[in-house]
Amino acid sequence: MAQFFNIQDIGAIGPELYLAMFGMIVLVLDLVVEKKRTLGLVALIGLALSGLFLLRLRGVEFSA
């Protein structure tokens, strides 16, 4: 019987995992933070990190 799940499969769903994680963080922070504008910034950071992870999967190189 073939193995159902390989550890390499996590890389393919990485951007979705980042989005889900930051979504949960925003939901929890919504209960705690009084300035709701900062929640938008946290959400934008999550989208940016997910986009960078997706570009890295596509083979785009980033140099600092």
PDB file of N, CA and C in Angstrom:
ATOM      1  N   MET A   1       0.837  -1.175   0.000  1.00  0.00           N
ATOM      2  CA  MET A   1       0.000   0.000   0.000  1.00  0.00           C
ATOM      3  C   MET A   1       0.886   1.244   0.000  1.00  0.00           C
ATOM      4  N   ALA A   2       0.583   2.183  -0.893  1.00  0.00           N
ATOM      5  CA  ALA A   2       1.371   3.408  -1.015  1.00  0.00           C
ATOM      6  C   ALA A   2       1.073   4.341   0.150  1.00  0.00           C
ATOM      7  N   GLN A   3       2.071   5.142   0.472  1.00  0.00           N
ATOM      8  CA  GLN A   3       1.904   6.096   1.557  1.00  0.00           C
ATOM      9  C   GLN A   3       0.966   7.215   1.112  1.00  0.00           C
ATOM     10  N   PHE A   4       0.020   7.570   1.968  1.00  0.00           N
ATOM     11  CA  PHE A   4      -0.997   8.567   1.629  1.00  0.00           C
ATOM     12  C   PHE A   4      -0.445   9.982   1.638  1.00  0.00           C
ATOM     13  N   PHE A   5       0.492  10.286   2.533  1.00  0.00           N
ATOM     14  CA  PHE A   5       0.958  11.653   2.740  1.00  0.00           C
ATOM     15  C   PHE A   5       2.468  11.676   2.778  1.00  0.00           C
ATOM     16  N   ASN A   6       3.062  12.578   2.019  1.00  0.00           N
ATOM     17  CA  ASN A   6       4.505  12.791   2.044  1.00  0.00           C
ATOM     18  C   ASN A   6       4.793  14.156   2.644  1.00  0.00           C
ATOM     19  N   ILE A   7       5.920  14.294   3.298  1.00  0.00           N
ATOM     20  CA  ILE A   7       6.282  15.560   3.931  1.00  0.00           C
ATOM     21  C   ILE A   7       6.501  16.649   2.876  1.00  0.00           C
ATOM     22  N   GLN A   8       6.839  16.291   1.653  1.00  0.00           N
ATOM     23  CA  GLN A   8       7.028  17.267   0.587  1.00  0.00           C
ATOM     24  C   GLN A   8       5.706  17.930   0.188  1.00  0.00           C
ATOM     25  N   ASP A   9       4.588  17.310   0.507  1.00  0.00           N
ATOM     26  CA  ASP A   9       3.282  17.873   0.167  1.00  0.00           C
ATOM     27  C   ASP A   9       2.969  19.134   0.969  1.00  0.00           C
ATOM     28  N   ILE A  10       3.606  19.317   2.105  1.00  0.00           N
ATOM     29  CA  ILE A  10       3.342  20.503   2.927  1.00  0.00           C
ATOM     30  C   ILE A  10       3.781  21.761   2.184  1.00  0.00           C
ATOM     31  N   GLY A  11       4.839  21.681   1.400  1.00  0.00           N
ATOM     32  CA  GLY A  11       5.290  22.840   0.639  1.00  0.00           C
ATOM     33  C   GLY A  11       4.259  23.326  -0.362  1.00  0.00           C
ATOM     34  N   ALA A  12       3.466  22.417  -0.901  1.00  0.00           N
ATOM     35  CA  ALA A  12       2.462  22.797  -1.898  1.00  0.00           C
ATOM     36  C   ALA A  12       1.299  23.562  -1.270  1.00  0.00           C
ATOM     37  N   ILE A  13       1.000  23.306  -0.009  1.00  0.00           N
ATOM     38  CA  ILE A  13      -0.111  23.996   0.637  1.00  0.00           C
ATOM     39  C   ILE A  13       0.379  25.054   1.621  1.00  0.00           C
ATOM     40  N   GLY A  14       1.641  25.399   1.549  1.00  0.00           N
ATOM     41  CA  GLY A  14       2.225  26.390   2.454  1.00  0.00           C
ATOM     42  C   GLY A  14       1.535  27.744   2.434  1.00  0.00           C
ATOM     43  N   PRO A  15       1.301  28.343   1.249  1.00  0.00           N
ATOM     44  CA  PRO A  15       0.630  29.660   1.249  1.00  0.00           C
ATOM     45  C   PRO A  15      -0.752  29.620   1.898  1.00  0.00           C
ATOM     46  N   GLU A  16      -1.499  28.561   1.689  1.00  0.00           N
ATOM     47  CA  GLU A  16      -2.814  28.451   2.312  1.00  0.00           C
ATOM     48  C   GLU A  16      -2.699  28.287   3.818  1.00  0.00           C
ATOM     49  N   LEU A  17      -1.668  27.578   4.261  1.00  0.00           N
ATOM     50  CA  LEU A  17      -1.452  27.431   5.698  1.00  0.00           C
ATOM     51  C   LEU A  17      -1.124  28.778   6.339  1.00  0.00           C
ATOM     52  N   TYR A  18      -0.288  29.591   5.660  1.00  0.00           N
ATOM     53  CA  TYR A  18       0.031  30.919   6.170  1.00  0.00           C
ATOM     54  C   TYR A  18      -1.221  31.790   6.252  1.00  0.00           C
ATOM     55  N   LEU A  19      -2.068  31.754   5.210  1.00  0.00           N
ATOM     56  CA  LEU A  19      -3.289  32.552   5.237  1.00  0.00           C
ATOM     57  C   LEU A  19      -4.214  32.116   6.359  1.00  0.00           C
ATOM     58  N   ALA A  20      -4.350  30.816   6.562  1.00  0.00           N
ATOM     59  CA  ALA A  20      -5.220  30.326   7.637  1.00  0.00           C
ATOM     60  C   ALA A  20      -4.665  30.725   8.999  1.00  0.00           C
ATOM     61  N   MET A  21      -3.343  30.637   9.157  1.00  0.00           N
ATOM     62  CA  MET A  21      -2.723  30.995  10.428  1.00  0.00           C
ATOM     63  C   MET A  21      -2.928  32.484  10.737  1.00  0.00           C
ATOM     64  N   PHE A  22      -2.678  33.351   9.751  1.00  0.00           N
ATOM     65  CA  PHE A  22      -2.856  34.778   9.991  1.00  0.00           C
ATOM     66  C   PHE A  22      -4.325  35.135  10.157  1.00  0.00           C
ATOM     67  N   GLY A  23      -5.216  34.401   9.514  1.00  0.00           N
ATOM     68  CA  GLY A  23      -6.638  34.629   9.737  1.00  0.00           C
ATOM     69  C   GLY A  23      -7.032  34.341  11.167  1.00  0.00           C
ATOM     70  N   MET A  24      -6.509  33.253  11.719  1.00  0.00           N
ATOM     71  CA  MET A  24      -6.793  32.925  13.117  1.00  0.00           C
ATOM     72  C   MET A  24      -6.180  33.951  14.062  1.00  0.00           C
ATOM     73  N   ILE A  25      -4.988  34.436  13.725  1.00  0.00           N
ATOM     74  CA  ILE A  25      -4.343  35.455  14.549  1.00  0.00           C
ATOM     75  C   ILE A  25      -5.179  36.732  14.559  1.00  0.00           C
ATOM     76  N   VAL A  26      -5.694  37.129  13.385  1.00  0.00           N
ATOM     77  CA  VAL A  26      -6.521  38.338  13.306  1.00  0.00           C
ATOM     78  C   VAL A  26      -7.802  38.153  14.119  1.00  0.00           C
ATOM     79  N   LEU A  27      -8.406  36.978  14.066  1.00  0.00           N
ATOM     80  CA  LEU A  27      -9.622  36.741  14.842  1.00  0.00           C
ATOM     81  C   LEU A  27      -9.372  36.830  16.343  1.00  0.00           C
ATOM     82  N   VAL A  28      -8.249  36.302  16.800  1.00  0.00           N
ATOM     83  CA  VAL A  28      -7.929  36.365  18.226  1.00  0.00           C
ATOM     84  C   VAL A  28      -7.571  37.795  18.635  1.00  0.00           C
ATOM     85  N   LEU A  29      -6.811  38.486  17.779  1.00  0.00           N
ATOM     86  CA  LEU A  29      -6.442  39.864  18.097  1.00  0.00           C
ATOM     87  C   LEU A  29      -7.651  40.786  18.109  1.00  0.00           C
ATOM     88  N   ASP A  30      -8.682  40.447  17.351  1.00  0.00           N
ATOM     89  CA  ASP A  30      -9.889  41.261  17.334  1.00  0.00           C
ATOM     90  C   ASP A  30     -10.542  41.310  18.714  1.00  0.00           C
ATOM     91  N   LEU A  31     -10.371  40.272  19.486  1.00  0.00           N
ATOM     92  CA  LEU A  31     -10.926  40.249  20.831  1.00  0.00           C
ATOM     93  C   LEU A  31     -10.117  41.092  21.814  1.00  0.00           C
ATOM     94  N   VAL A  32      -8.846  41.294  21.519  1.00  0.00           N
ATOM     95  CA  VAL A  32      -7.928  41.917  22.466  1.00  0.00           C
ATOM     96  C   VAL A  32      -7.628  43.377  22.124  1.00  0.00           C
ATOM     97  N   VAL A  33      -7.426  43.659  20.861  1.00  0.00           N
ATOM     98  CA  VAL A  33      -6.953  44.978  20.430  1.00  0.00           C
ATOM     99  C   VAL A  33      -8.118  45.958  20.360  1.00  0.00           C
ATOM    100  N   GLU A  34      -7.884  47.175  20.874  1.00  0.00           N
ATOM    101  CA  GLU A  34      -8.915  48.207  20.813  1.00  0.00           C
ATOM    102  C   GLU A  34      -8.829  49.022  19.524  1.00  0.00           C
ATOM    103  N   LYS A  35      -7.604  49.243  19.022  1.00  0.00           N
ATOM    104  CA  LYS A  35      -7.437  49.976  17.765  1.00  0.00           C
ATOM    105  C   LYS A  35      -7.551  48.974  16.612  1.00  0.00           C
ATOM    106  N   LYS A  36      -8.709  48.945  15.976  1.00  0.00           N
ATOM    107  CA  LYS A  36      -8.979  47.946  14.941  1.00  0.00           C
ATOM    108  C   LYS A  36      -8.174  48.188  13.671  1.00  0.00           C
ATOM    109  N   ARG A  37      -7.607  49.377  13.527  1.00  0.00           N
ATOM    110  CA  ARG A  37      -6.807  49.660  12.333  1.00  0.00           C
ATOM    111  C   ARG A  37      -5.567  48.774  12.273  1.00  0.00           C
ATOM    112  N   THR A  38      -5.033  48.411  13.424  1.00  0.00           N
ATOM    113  CA  THR A  38      -3.852  47.553  13.438  1.00  0.00           C
ATOM    114  C   THR A  38      -4.171  46.143  12.938  1.00  0.00           C
ATOM    115  N   LEU A  39      -5.423  45.733  13.043  1.00  0.00           N
ATOM    116  CA  LEU A  39      -5.797  44.416  12.528  1.00  0.00           C
ATOM    117  C   LEU A  39      -5.660  44.363  11.014  1.00  0.00           C
ATOM    118  N   GLY A  40      -5.955  45.455  10.358  1.00  0.00           N
ATOM    119  CA  GLY A  40      -5.766  45.518   8.912  1.00  0.00           C
ATOM    120  C   GLY A  40      -4.311  45.382   8.526  1.00  0.00           C
ATOM    121  N   LEU A  41      -3.435  45.997   9.320  1.00  0.00           N
ATOM    122  CA  LEU A  41      -2.003  45.871   9.047  1.00  0.00           C
ATOM    123  C   LEU A  41      -1.520  44.441   9.250  1.00  0.00           C
ATOM    124  N   VAL A  42      -2.008  43.782  10.282  1.00  0.00           N
ATOM    125  CA  VAL A  42      -1.638  42.379  10.510  1.00  0.00           C
ATOM    126  C   VAL A  42      -2.124  41.515   9.359  1.00  0.00           C
ATOM    127  N   ALA A  43      -3.332  41.785   8.867  1.00  0.00           N
ATOM    128  CA  ALA A  43      -3.870  41.025   7.744  1.00  0.00           C
ATOM    129  C   ALA A  43      -3.048  41.264   6.477  1.00  0.00           C
ATOM    130  N   LEU A  44      -2.632  42.513   6.252  1.00  0.00           N
ATOM    131  CA  LEU A  44      -1.807  42.809   5.081  1.00  0.00           C
ATOM    132  C   LEU A  44      -0.439  42.145   5.175  1.00  0.00           C
ATOM    133  N   ILE A  45       0.129  42.098   6.359  1.00  0.00           N
ATOM    134  CA  ILE A  45       1.410  41.408   6.544  1.00  0.00           C
ATOM    135  C   ILE A  45       1.245  39.925   6.235  1.00  0.00           C
ATOM    136  N   GLY A  46       0.143  39.338   6.681  1.00  0.00           N
ATOM    137  CA  GLY A  46      -0.114  37.938   6.388  1.00  0.00           C
ATOM    138  C   GLY A  46      -0.257  37.675   4.907  1.00  0.00           C
ATOM    139  N   LEU A  47      -0.970  38.558   4.203  1.00  0.00           N
ATOM    140  CA  LEU A  47      -1.102  38.404   2.756  1.00  0.00           C
ATOM    141  C   LEU A  47       0.239  38.544   2.055  1.00  0.00           C
ATOM    142  N   ALA A  48       1.056  39.499   2.498  1.00  0.00           N
ATOM    143  CA  ALA A  48       2.362  39.703   1.884  1.00  0.00           C
ATOM    144  C   ALA A  48       3.266  38.486   2.098  1.00  0.00           C
ATOM    145  N   LEU A  49       3.277  37.950   3.303  1.00  0.00           N
ATOM    146  CA  LEU A  49       4.109  36.775   3.564  1.00  0.00           C
ATOM    147  C   LEU A  49       3.639  35.566   2.769  1.00  0.00           C
ATOM    148  N   SER A  50       2.348  35.427   2.648  1.00  0.00           N
ATOM    149  CA  SER A  50       1.819  34.330   1.851  1.00  0.00           C
ATOM    150  C   SER A  50       2.189  34.501   0.377  1.00  0.00           C
ATOM    151  N   GLY A  51       2.118  35.727  -0.112  1.00  0.00           N
ATOM    152  CA  GLY A  51       2.515  35.993  -1.496  1.00  0.00           C
ATOM    153  C   GLY A  51       3.985  35.734  -1.738  1.00  0.00           C
ATOM    154  N   LEU A  52       4.830  36.133  -0.785  1.00  0.00           N
ATOM    155  CA  LEU A  52       6.265  35.862  -0.921  1.00  0.00           C
ATOM    156  C   LEU A  52       6.546  34.364  -0.920  1.00  0.00           C
ATOM    157  N   PHE A  53       5.837  33.636  -0.074  1.00  0.00           N
ATOM    158  CA  PHE A  53       6.014  32.189  -0.030  1.00  0.00           C
ATOM    159  C   PHE A  53       5.582  31.563  -1.351  1.00  0.00           C
ATOM    160  N   LEU A  54       4.502  32.070  -1.928  1.00  0.00           N
ATOM    161  CA  LEU A  54       4.014  31.558  -3.202  1.00  0.00           C
ATOM    162  C   LEU A  54       5.006  31.856  -4.320  1.00  0.00           C
ATOM    163  N   LEU A  55       5.570  33.070  -4.334  1.00  0.00           N
ATOM    164  CA  LEU A  55       6.572  33.404  -5.345  1.00  0.00           C
ATOM    165  C   LEU A  55       7.818  32.540  -5.195  1.00  0.00           C
ATOM    166  N   ARG A  56       8.186  32.240  -3.968  1.00  0.00           N
ATOM    167  CA  ARG A  56       9.340  31.372  -3.753  1.00  0.00           C
ATOM    168  C   ARG A  56       9.085  29.960  -4.270  1.00  0.00           C
ATOM    169  N   LEU A  57       7.841  29.488  -4.152  1.00  0.00           N
ATOM    170  CA  LEU A  57       7.498  28.196  -4.718  1.00  0.00           C
ATOM    171  C   LEU A  57       7.592  28.185  -6.239  1.00  0.00           C
ATOM    172  N   ARG A  58       7.300  29.344  -6.850  1.00  0.00           N
ATOM    173  CA  ARG A  58       7.361  29.452  -8.298  1.00  0.00           C
ATOM    174  C   ARG A  58       8.791  29.578  -8.815  1.00  0.00           C
ATOM    175  N   GLY A  59       9.758  29.769  -7.916  1.00  0.00           N
ATOM    176  CA  GLY A  59      11.152  29.807  -8.317  1.00  0.00           C
ATOM    177  C   GLY A  59      11.744  31.193  -8.400  1.00  0.00           C
ATOM    178  N   VAL A  60      11.051  32.207  -7.904  1.00  0.00           N
ATOM    179  CA  VAL A  60      11.575  33.573  -7.907  1.00  0.00           C
ATOM    180  C   VAL A  60      12.583  33.696  -6.783  1.00  0.00           C
ATOM    181  N   GLU A  61      13.770  34.225  -7.099  1.00  0.00           N
ATOM    182  CA  GLU A  61      14.830  34.379  -6.107  1.00  0.00           C
ATOM    183  C   GLU A  61      14.783  35.766  -5.503  1.00  0.00           C
ATOM    184  N   PHE A  62      14.952  35.861  -4.194  1.00  0.00           N
ATOM    185  CA  PHE A  62      15.017  37.138  -3.497  1.00  0.00           C
ATOM    186  C   PHE A  62      16.414  37.291  -2.925  1.00  0.00           C
ATOM    187  N   SER A  63      17.008  38.458  -3.151  1.00  0.00           N
ATOM    188  CA  SER A  63      18.338  38.718  -2.592  1.00  0.00           C
ATOM    189  C   SER A  63      18.273  40.009  -1.780  1.00  0.00           C
ATOM    190  N   ALA A  64      18.960  39.984  -0.656  1.00  0.00           N
ATOM    191  CA  ALA A  64      18.950  41.158   0.210  1.00  0.00           C
ATOM    192  C   ALA A  64      20.283  41.858   0.160  1.00  0.00           C
TER     193      ALA A  64
END
